Amino acid sequence: MTVAVVGGGISGLSAAYELSKGGREVILLERSARPGGVILTDEVQGFLIEGGPDCLYTEKPWAIELAKELGLSQELIPPREDRRGTFILWRRRLHRLPDGFLLLVPTDLRSFLRTGLLSPWGKMRAMLEPFMPFRGQREDESVAEFVLRRLGREILERIADPLIGGIYGGDPEKLSAEAIIPRFRELERRNRSLMRGLSKGIPGRRGPSLPFLSFRKGMYQLVEGLLGALPAEGILLEHGVEAIEPTKDGFLLYGSSWRIEAEKVILAIPSYEASRLLRGPFPDLSGLLSRIRFVSSVPLSMAFREGDVGGIEGHGFVVPRKEGLRIRAVSFSSEKFPARAPEGTVLLRVFLGGAGDEEVLELDDREILELSLRELSTVLTVKAPPFLWRLYRWPMRMVHMAVGHKGLVSEIRARVGKIPGLYIAGSSYDGIGIGDCVRSGREAARDAMS
């Protein structure tokens, strides 16, 4: 049985790996000349610069498990403990996120009550959460609606908005609570209160652990590990699929100058690309796929001499929309993980784009650099421009899981299930993290082998 995997990002590579491990013949088709998708690590003048994601979250262990399978256990590294801490910008001051704060909910009350991030009323409103009425589990609601009714407006605007917006590049007023924060919804359903539920533990939580890990030589090590485990002859780069045609024995896949037959196909590409390919043979499915929305991201890495930038503390900070800045978050790469920058230098990464600021893509690279430095200078002390910088553009690469997303995905999967030999995988459906993508790719491969 030949299985064609369309898309050479981490989802497609994980699917191909699972198929190859199961003894299936695999053809991996990737449009670009480089596999890995948004996972990209550049080594420049002694700096290790991530163009896309820079860590694996331990709460979603599937990529870490894969790394261990590939023999990369010794390459996994923890964050720098001596630089620990996440900060939130509020009224142009950086406030440390209170200890024990679990995304939305305080668990260390002493630390929570001491923070200057919230007003006395904001703290009091959050502490009233156990007494807020439970109105029954709704089908879905926005993240903003959920946080407002459980914890109040200040938690939403000053904590949930920058943290969740920073991770997902989205608008909490539109993001789906069911898709983005399902564990908190489950806590509410089971306990009628988030705080009461947290005192018993989070459903599905695996116990205390480091929040995230990376690789000694950067995230691309995971891609290289997968490539090394796959037959080289089955990886076809610069092979963009232009059309798919179902046949009685499977599918024909067409490129600009080639044609490949496969009994089964896994589409590990963004849903809008899958929609384009399926528009002819499966218009109803194509229409459903086209309803999933995406936002863009623009990460910019900058290297400074150590004395040229001041005010750096912790691993980085996130920015609420109320601050009126276009930078969404800043990660202090050289403080977050070891061996990211030569001694005497600082490497940081600014994130722009996301919901509400797609226009940033219309600026040229130099304009984005100057904009970032202007805004960064309102928070940190910047005495000189960076002596090295790298900018990456990821247009329409981050799914915006709007209210109703899980229901839409269920409908899509039901339609896909009626097409023998066709499978879908990737960040468009169940999560944007690398761990989510690894799980999605491997599950699609197992379905194809069953």
Protein backbone atom coordinates (compact mmCIF):
# COMPACT_ATOMS: atom_id res chain seq x y z
CA MET A 1 0.00 0.00 0.00
CA THR A 2 1.35 3.42 -1.01
CA VAL A 3 0.32 6.40 1.07
CA ALA A 4 0.95 9.91 -0.19
CA VAL A 5 1.46 12.53 2.52
CA VAL A 6 0.89 16.04 1.20
CA GLY A 7 2.82 18.60 3.23
CA GLY A 8 6.29 18.39 4.74
CA GLY A 9 5.68 20.33 7.94
CA ILE A 10 5.88 18.65 11.33
CA SER A 11 2.42 17.07 10.92
CA GLY A 12 3.29 15.54 7.56
CA LEU A 13 6.73 14.38 8.71
CA SER A 14 5.18 12.76 11.79
CA ALA A 15 2.59 11.01 9.64
CA ALA A 16 5.28 9.77 7.23
CA TYR A 17 7.39 8.53 10.14
CA GLU A 18 4.49 6.58 11.63
CA LEU A 19 3.66 5.03 8.26
CA SER A 20 7.28 4.09 7.57
CA LYS A 21 7.60 2.59 11.05
CA GLY A 22 4.50 0.52 10.26
CA GLY A 23 6.10 -0.86 7.10
CA ARG A 24 4.06 1.16 4.61
CA GLU A 25 5.46 2.71 1.43
CA VAL A 26 5.33 6.48 1.86
CA ILE A 27 5.69 9.36 -0.57
CA LEU A 28 6.04 12.75 1.12
CA LEU A 29 5.24 15.69 -1.16
CA GLU A 30 6.41 19.15 -0.10
CA ARG A 31 5.91 22.30 -2.14
CA SER A 32 9.01 24.14 -0.90
CA ALA A 33 12.69 23.25 -1.02
CA ARG A 34 12.87 22.92 2.77
CA PRO A 35 10.88 20.51 4.96
CA GLY A 36 9.76 21.48 8.42
CA GLY A 37 7.12 24.14 7.73
CA VAL A 38 7.26 26.91 10.34
CA ILE A 39 9.99 25.11 12.30
CA LEU A 40 13.14 26.89 11.22
CA THR A 41 16.43 27.40 13.05
CA ASP A 42 19.19 29.67 11.73
CA GLU A 43 22.74 29.72 13.09
CA VAL A 44 24.26 33.14 12.42
CA GLN A 45 27.52 34.54 13.88
CA GLY A 46 27.24 32.34 16.95
CA PHE A 47 23.53 33.07 17.50
CA LEU A 48 20.90 30.36 17.38
CA ILE A 49 17.78 32.05 15.98
CA GLU A 50 14.35 30.44 15.81
CA GLY A 51 12.19 31.57 12.93
CA GLY A 52 9.12 29.80 14.27
CA PRO A 53 8.25 28.05 17.54
CA ASP A 54 11.07 27.82 20.08
CA CYS A 55 9.84 25.19 22.54
CA LEU A 56 7.73 22.12 23.26
CA TYR A 57 5.09 22.40 25.99
CA THR A 58 5.30 19.52 28.41
CA GLU A 59 1.54 19.59 29.05
CA LYS A 60 1.22 18.30 25.46
CA PRO A 61 3.83 15.52 25.54
CA TRP A 62 3.49 14.02 22.07
CA ALA A 63 6.45 15.81 20.46
CA ILE A 64 8.64 15.06 23.47
CA GLU A 65 7.71 11.38 23.23
CA LEU A 66 8.56 11.45 19.52
CA ALA A 67 11.92 13.09 20.22
CA LYS A 68 12.76 10.32 22.64
CA GLU A 69 11.78 7.68 20.05
CA LEU A 70 14.16 9.34 17.61
CA GLY A 71 17.04 9.13 20.09
CA LEU A 72 17.02 12.84 20.90
CA SER A 73 16.48 12.56 24.66
CA GLN A 74 19.92 13.96 25.45
CA GLU A 75 19.27 16.93 23.16
CA LEU A 76 16.21 18.14 25.09
CA ILE A 77 17.06 21.06 27.38
CA PRO A 78 15.05 22.89 30.07
CA PRO A 79 14.67 26.67 30.28
CA ARG A 80 17.15 28.66 32.35
CA GLU A 81 15.88 28.45 35.90
CA ASP A 82 17.90 31.47 37.04
CA ARG A 83 16.02 33.69 34.56
CA ARG A 84 12.56 32.28 35.24
CA GLY A 85 9.49 34.50 35.06
CA THR A 86 6.88 35.86 32.65
CA PHE A 87 5.99 39.55 32.70
CA ILE A 88 2.96 41.47 31.51
CA LEU A 89 3.14 45.06 30.31
CA TRP A 90 0.53 47.34 31.87
CA ARG A 91 0.63 51.12 31.67
CA ARG A 92 4.17 50.86 30.29
CA ARG A 93 5.43 49.00 33.37
CA LEU A 94 6.42 45.34 33.45
CA HIS A 95 4.65 43.30 36.12
CA ARG A 96 5.70 39.77 36.97
CA LEU A 97 2.90 37.26 36.49
CA PRO A 98 2.05 36.16 40.04
CA ASP A 99 3.57 32.85 41.13
CA GLY A 100 1.22 29.91 40.72
CA PHE A 101 -0.90 31.67 38.10
CA LEU A 102 -2.29 28.98 35.84
CA LEU A 103 -3.02 30.85 32.59
CA LEU A 104 -6.27 32.39 33.93
CA VAL A 105 -6.59 31.43 37.57
CA PRO A 106 -4.52 32.33 40.67
CA THR A 107 -3.43 29.41 42.83
CA ASP A 108 -0.90 31.21 45.06
CA LEU A 109 -3.12 33.75 46.85
CA ARG A 110 -0.28 35.49 48.69
CA SER A 111 1.55 36.22 45.44
CA PHE A 112 -1.71 37.17 43.73
CA LEU A 113 -2.70 39.69 46.38
CA ARG A 114 0.73 41.36 46.25
CA THR A 115 0.77 41.98 42.49
CA GLY A 116 0.53 45.54 41.20
CA LEU A 117 -0.89 44.29 37.91
CA LEU A 118 -4.48 44.36 39.19
CA SER A 119 -6.44 46.91 41.17
CA PRO A 120 -7.87 46.00 44.59
CA TRP A 121 -11.29 45.66 42.92
CA GLY A 122 -9.86 43.41 40.20
CA LYS A 123 -8.35 41.12 42.83
CA MET A 124 -11.57 41.10 44.85
CA ARG A 125 -13.64 40.24 41.75
CA ALA A 126 -11.32 37.34 40.91
CA MET A 127 -11.49 36.05 44.49
CA LEU A 128 -15.29 35.96 44.20
CA GLU A 129 -15.02 33.33 41.45
CA PRO A 130 -16.13 30.39 43.66
CA PHE A 131 -19.39 32.27 44.34
CA MET A 132 -20.20 33.07 40.72
CA PRO A 133 -23.26 31.17 39.48
CA PHE A 134 -22.84 28.22 37.16
CA ARG A 135 -25.33 28.60 34.33
CA GLY A 136 -24.91 25.17 32.82
CA GLN A 137 -22.40 24.05 30.22
CA ARG A 138 -22.98 25.97 27.02
CA GLU A 139 -22.24 24.56 23.59
CA ASP A 140 -19.45 27.09 23.09
CA GLU A 141 -18.64 30.66 23.97
CA SER A 142 -15.74 33.00 23.42
CA VAL A 143 -12.71 32.98 25.70
CA ALA A 144 -13.62 36.56 26.66
CA GLU A 145 -17.16 35.59 27.68
CA PHE A 146 -15.87 32.71 29.79
CA VAL A 147 -13.22 34.76 31.60
CA LEU A 148 -15.57 37.71 32.17
CA ARG A 149 -18.27 35.68 33.87
CA ARG A 150 -15.88 33.63 35.99
CA LEU A 151 -13.06 36.06 36.87
CA GLY A 152 -13.95 39.57 35.78
CA ARG A 153 -12.82 42.22 33.32
CA GLU A 154 -9.37 42.96 34.77
CA ILE A 155 -8.27 39.32 34.55
CA LEU A 156 -9.51 39.31 30.96
CA GLU A 157 -7.87 42.55 29.84
CA ARG A 158 -4.62 42.38 31.79
CA ILE A 159 -3.86 38.65 31.92
CA ALA A 160 -6.00 36.43 29.67
CA ASP A 161 -5.89 38.76 26.66
CA PRO A 162 -2.09 39.08 26.46
CA LEU A 163 -1.32 35.48 27.46
CA ILE A 164 -3.85 33.75 25.22
CA GLY A 165 -3.55 36.37 22.48
CA GLY A 166 0.22 36.00 22.60
CA ILE A 167 0.09 32.22 22.22
CA TYR A 168 -2.68 32.04 19.61
CA GLY A 169 -2.29 35.41 17.89
CA GLY A 170 -6.04 35.74 18.22
CA ASP A 171 -8.80 37.89 19.62
CA PRO A 172 -10.28 36.50 22.87
CA GLU A 173 -13.61 38.05 21.88
CA LYS A 174 -13.73 35.59 18.97
CA LEU A 175 -11.57 32.65 20.07
CA SER A 176 -13.44 29.53 21.13
CA ALA A 177 -13.32 28.64 24.83
CA GLU A 178 -14.16 25.04 23.95
CA ALA A 179 -11.14 24.81 21.63
CA ILE A 180 -8.64 27.01 23.50
CA ILE A 181 -9.27 26.38 27.21
CA PRO A 182 -11.19 23.07 27.37
CA ARG A 183 -9.67 22.06 30.72
CA PHE A 184 -11.03 25.17 32.40
CA ARG A 185 -14.48 24.52 30.99
CA GLU A 186 -14.24 20.99 32.35
CA LEU A 187 -13.19 22.33 35.75
CA GLU A 188 -16.25 24.56 35.79
CA ARG A 189 -18.56 21.75 34.70
CA ARG A 190 -17.28 19.32 37.34
CA ASN A 191 -16.89 21.71 40.26
CA ARG A 192 -19.07 24.74 39.51
CA SER A 193 -15.91 26.79 40.17
CA LEU A 194 -12.41 27.02 38.71
CA MET A 195 -10.73 27.68 42.05
CA ARG A 196 -12.52 24.85 43.81
CA GLY A 197 -11.63 22.56 40.93
CA LEU A 198 -7.97 23.57 40.93
CA SER A 199 -7.72 22.61 44.58
CA LYS A 200 -8.48 19.03 43.40
CA GLY A 201 -6.18 19.13 40.34
CA ILE A 202 -6.69 19.76 36.63
CA PRO A 203 -8.44 17.05 34.55
CA GLY A 204 -5.76 15.34 32.45
CA ARG A 205 -2.82 17.07 34.11
CA ARG A 206 0.15 14.73 34.49
CA GLY A 207 1.62 16.21 37.62
CA PRO A 208 4.30 18.85 38.19
CA SER A 209 6.90 19.26 35.48
CA LEU A 210 8.88 21.86 33.62
CA PRO A 211 6.52 24.01 31.55
CA PHE A 212 8.50 23.67 28.33
CA LEU A 213 11.64 22.23 26.74
CA SER A 214 13.69 22.95 23.65
CA PHE A 215 16.60 21.32 21.80
CA ARG A 216 20.26 21.98 22.38
CA LYS A 217 20.81 23.07 18.77
CA GLY A 218 17.35 24.49 18.15
CA MET A 219 13.94 23.23 17.18
CA TYR A 220 15.02 22.09 13.74
CA GLN A 221 16.74 19.15 15.43
CA LEU A 222 13.31 17.49 15.63
CA VAL A 223 12.85 17.90 11.87
CA GLU A 224 16.33 16.52 11.20
CA GLY A 225 15.59 13.56 13.46
CA LEU A 226 12.47 12.73 11.48
CA LEU A 227 14.23 13.16 8.14
CA GLY A 228 16.96 10.78 9.30
CA ALA A 229 14.33 8.16 10.15
CA LEU A 230 12.62 8.31 6.74
CA PRO A 231 13.74 6.75 3.44
CA ALA A 232 15.32 9.63 1.51
CA GLU A 233 13.89 8.42 -1.80
CA GLY A 234 10.35 8.89 -0.49
CA ILE A 235 10.80 12.60 0.28
CA LEU A 236 10.02 14.75 -2.76
CA LEU A 237 10.76 18.43 -2.22
CA GLU A 238 9.60 21.15 -4.63
CA HIS A 239 6.67 18.90 -5.47
CA GLY A 240 3.60 21.02 -4.92
CA VAL A 241 0.33 19.19 -5.51
CA GLU A 242 -1.88 21.05 -7.95
CA ALA A 243 -4.82 18.64 -8.15
CA ILE A 244 -6.21 15.43 -6.66
CA GLU A 245 -8.40 13.03 -8.60
CA PRO A 246 -10.13 10.05 -7.00
CA THR A 247 -9.92 6.72 -8.87
CA LYS A 248 -11.41 3.27 -8.22
CA ASP A 249 -8.11 2.18 -6.61
CA GLY A 250 -7.24 5.36 -4.72
CA PHE A 251 -6.09 8.75 -5.95
CA LEU A 252 -4.05 10.47 -8.63
CA LEU A 253 -2.01 13.46 -7.49
CA TYR A 254 -0.85 15.97 -10.08
CA GLY A 255 1.95 18.50 -10.06
CA SER A 256 3.07 20.90 -12.77
CA SER A 257 5.12 18.21 -14.52
CA TRP A 258 4.47 14.94 -12.67
CA ARG A 259 1.76 12.49 -11.63
CA ILE A 260 1.72 10.03 -8.74
CA GLU A 261 -0.70 7.23 -7.86
CA ALA A 262 -1.48 6.39 -4.24
CA GLU A 263 -4.00 4.16 -2.55
CA LYS A 264 -4.40 6.60 0.33
CA VAL A 265 -3.71 10.30 0.89
CA ILE A 266 -3.06 12.29 4.06
CA LEU A 267 -3.49 16.04 3.61
CA ALA A 268 -1.14 17.56 6.19
CA ILE A 269 -1.45 21.10 4.88
CA PRO A 270 -3.43 24.16 6.06
CA SER A 271 -7.15 23.68 5.65
CA TYR A 272 -7.41 26.45 3.04
CA GLU A 273 -4.87 24.61 0.86
CA ALA A 274 -6.76 21.34 1.34
CA SER A 275 -9.94 23.21 0.39
CA ARG A 276 -8.36 24.32 -2.87
CA LEU A 277 -7.26 20.79 -3.78
CA LEU A 278 -10.65 19.26 -2.98
CA ARG A 279 -12.81 21.93 -4.62
CA GLY A 280 -13.30 19.89 -7.79
CA PRO A 281 -13.83 16.32 -6.56
CA PHE A 282 -15.40 17.08 -3.16
CA PRO A 283 -16.98 20.57 -3.22
CA ASP A 284 -19.02 20.14 -0.01
CA LEU A 285 -15.93 19.19 2.01
CA SER A 286 -13.97 21.98 0.35
CA GLY A 287 -16.60 24.48 1.46
CA LEU A 288 -16.39 23.35 5.07
CA LEU A 289 -12.59 23.54 5.07
CA SER A 290 -12.70 27.08 3.68
CA ARG A 291 -14.62 28.26 6.76
CA ILE A 292 -11.60 27.84 9.07
CA ARG A 293 -9.87 31.19 9.49
CA PHE A 294 -6.18 32.03 9.89
CA VAL A 295 -4.02 34.91 11.07
CA SER A 296 -0.45 35.87 10.23
CA SER A 297 2.63 36.19 12.40
CA VAL A 298 5.84 38.19 12.03
CA PRO A 299 8.64 37.26 14.47
CA LEU A 300 11.70 39.50 14.48
CA SER A 301 14.94 38.47 16.23
CA MET A 302 17.44 41.16 17.23
CA ALA A 303 20.96 40.87 18.67
CA PHE A 304 22.43 43.61 20.89
CA ARG A 305 25.63 44.19 22.78
CA GLU A 306 24.94 43.47 26.43
CA GLY A 307 25.24 47.13 27.48
CA ASP A 308 23.02 48.41 24.67
CA VAL A 309 19.72 47.14 26.04
CA GLY A 310 18.52 47.30 29.64
CA GLY A 311 15.47 46.31 31.65
CA ILE A 312 15.55 42.66 30.60
CA GLU A 313 14.10 40.39 33.26
CA GLY A 314 12.67 36.88 33.11
CA HIS A 315 11.99 34.99 29.90
CA GLY A 316 10.00 37.79 28.29
CA PHE A 317 6.76 39.74 28.40
CA VAL A 318 3.39 39.88 26.69
CA VAL A 319 1.38 42.97 25.76
CA PRO A 320 -2.37 43.52 26.31
CA ARG A 321 -4.20 45.13 23.41
CA LYS A 322 -5.23 47.95 25.76
CA GLU A 323 -1.60 49.15 25.71
CA GLY A 324 -2.07 50.30 22.11
CA LEU A 325 1.18 48.78 20.81
CA ARG A 326 1.62 46.63 17.73
CA ILE A 327 4.17 44.31 19.32
CA ARG A 328 2.25 41.41 20.89
CA ALA A 329 5.04 39.78 22.86
CA VAL A 330 8.79 39.86 23.42
CA SER A 331 10.83 36.76 24.20
CA PHE A 332 14.32 37.12 25.67
CA SER A 333 15.81 34.21 23.74
CA SER A 334 19.25 34.39 25.35
CA GLU A 335 17.66 34.41 28.82
CA LYS A 336 15.17 31.66 28.07
CA PHE A 337 17.52 28.88 26.93
CA PRO A 338 21.30 28.42 27.18
CA ALA A 339 23.69 28.70 24.21
CA ARG A 340 21.42 30.98 22.17
CA ALA A 341 23.86 33.91 22.02
CA PRO A 342 27.62 34.52 22.42
CA GLU A 343 28.83 35.85 25.76
CA GLY A 344 28.40 39.61 26.13
CA THR A 345 25.37 39.77 23.81
CA VAL A 346 21.59 39.66 24.14
CA LEU A 347 19.20 37.98 21.71
CA LEU A 348 15.52 38.86 21.87
CA ARG A 349 12.53 38.19 19.69
CA VAL A 350 9.56 40.49 19.02
CA PHE A 351 6.23 39.17 17.73
CA LEU A 352 3.90 41.23 15.56
CA GLY A 353 0.79 40.46 13.54
CA GLY A 354 -2.12 38.33 14.63
CA ALA A 355 -5.82 39.14 14.68
CA GLY A 356 -6.46 42.82 14.18
CA ASP A 357 -3.06 43.66 12.69
CA GLU A 358 -2.73 41.82 9.39
CA GLU A 359 -1.61 45.16 7.91
CA VAL A 360 1.86 44.66 9.40
CA LEU A 361 2.58 42.33 6.47
CA GLU A 362 2.28 45.32 4.14
CA LEU A 363 5.33 46.97 5.73
CA ASP A 364 8.78 46.22 4.40
CA ASP A 365 11.43 44.61 6.61
CA ARG A 366 13.15 47.86 7.56
CA GLU A 367 9.83 49.50 8.51
CA ILE A 368 8.98 46.55 10.77
CA LEU A 369 12.41 46.78 12.41
CA GLU A 370 12.04 50.53 13.06
CA LEU A 371 8.47 50.10 14.37
CA SER A 372 9.62 47.34 16.72
CA LEU A 373 12.54 49.38 18.06
CA ARG A 374 10.32 52.43 18.67
CA GLU A 375 7.82 50.42 20.66
CA LEU A 376 10.46 48.35 22.44
CA SER A 377 12.13 51.58 23.57
CA THR A 378 8.98 52.54 25.48
CA VAL A 379 9.45 49.45 27.67
CA LEU A 380 13.20 48.68 27.72
CA THR A 381 16.24 50.93 27.65
CA VAL A 382 17.59 50.66 24.11
CA LYS A 383 20.83 52.63 23.70
CA ALA A 384 21.86 51.39 20.25
CA PRO A 385 20.24 49.53 17.35
CA PRO A 386 20.79 45.79 16.97
CA PHE A 387 23.96 44.79 15.14
CA LEU A 388 22.20 41.72 13.73
CA TRP A 389 18.56 41.03 12.99
CA ARG A 390 16.45 38.44 11.21
CA LEU A 391 12.78 38.83 10.27
CA TYR A 392 10.42 36.00 9.30
CA ARG A 393 7.00 36.27 7.72
CA TRP A 394 4.35 33.60 8.21
CA PRO A 395 1.27 34.76 6.30
CA MET A 396 -1.93 32.86 7.14
CA ARG A 397 -0.11 30.14 9.05
CA MET A 398 -1.77 30.33 12.49
CA VAL A 399 -5.31 28.99 12.75
CA HIS A 400 -7.80 31.30 14.48
CA MET A 401 -10.05 28.88 16.36
CA ALA A 402 -13.22 30.93 16.44
CA VAL A 403 -16.34 30.11 18.45
CA GLY A 404 -17.82 26.92 17.01
CA HIS A 405 -14.45 25.63 15.79
CA LYS A 406 -14.72 22.17 17.34
CA GLY A 407 -18.19 21.67 15.91
CA LEU A 408 -16.94 22.68 12.47
CA VAL A 409 -14.00 20.28 12.74
CA SER A 410 -16.35 17.45 13.76
CA GLU A 411 -18.44 18.15 10.68
CA ILE A 412 -15.31 18.17 8.49
CA ARG A 413 -14.11 14.87 9.93
CA ALA A 414 -17.53 13.30 9.38
CA ARG A 415 -17.34 14.29 5.68
CA VAL A 416 -13.73 13.07 5.36
CA GLY A 417 -14.76 9.76 6.93
CA LYS A 418 -17.12 9.15 4.02
CA ILE A 419 -14.27 9.36 1.48
CA PRO A 420 -12.32 6.07 1.51
CA GLY A 421 -8.57 6.56 1.68
CA LEU A 422 -8.59 10.30 2.49
CA TYR A 423 -7.28 11.69 5.82
CA ILE A 424 -6.49 15.12 7.24
CA ALA A 425 -3.90 16.29 9.76
CA GLY A 426 -2.28 19.46 11.01
CA SER A 427 -2.68 22.56 13.13
CA SER A 428 -5.90 23.61 11.39
CA TYR A 429 -7.98 21.22 13.43
CA ASP A 430 -7.06 20.36 17.02
CA GLY A 431 -4.25 22.65 18.16
CA ILE A 432 -1.40 24.83 16.97
CA GLY A 433 1.44 23.52 19.15
CA ILE A 434 4.14 21.21 17.85
CA GLY A 435 2.87 18.51 20.20
CA ASP A 436 -0.65 18.87 18.77
CA CYS A 437 0.70 18.60 15.23
CA VAL A 438 2.78 15.50 16.02
CA ARG A 439 -0.25 13.80 17.55
CA SER A 440 -2.46 14.81 14.61
CA GLY A 441 -0.01 13.45 12.03
CA ARG A 442 0.59 10.17 13.81
CA GLU A 443 -3.12 9.58 14.43
CA ALA A 444 -3.91 10.19 10.76
CA ALA A 445 -1.22 7.67 9.81
CA ARG A 446 -2.62 5.07 12.22
CA ASP A 447 -6.08 5.59 10.74
CA ALA A 448 -4.64 5.10 7.26
CA MET A 449 -3.03 1.82 8.34
CA SER A 450 -6.12 0.43 10.06
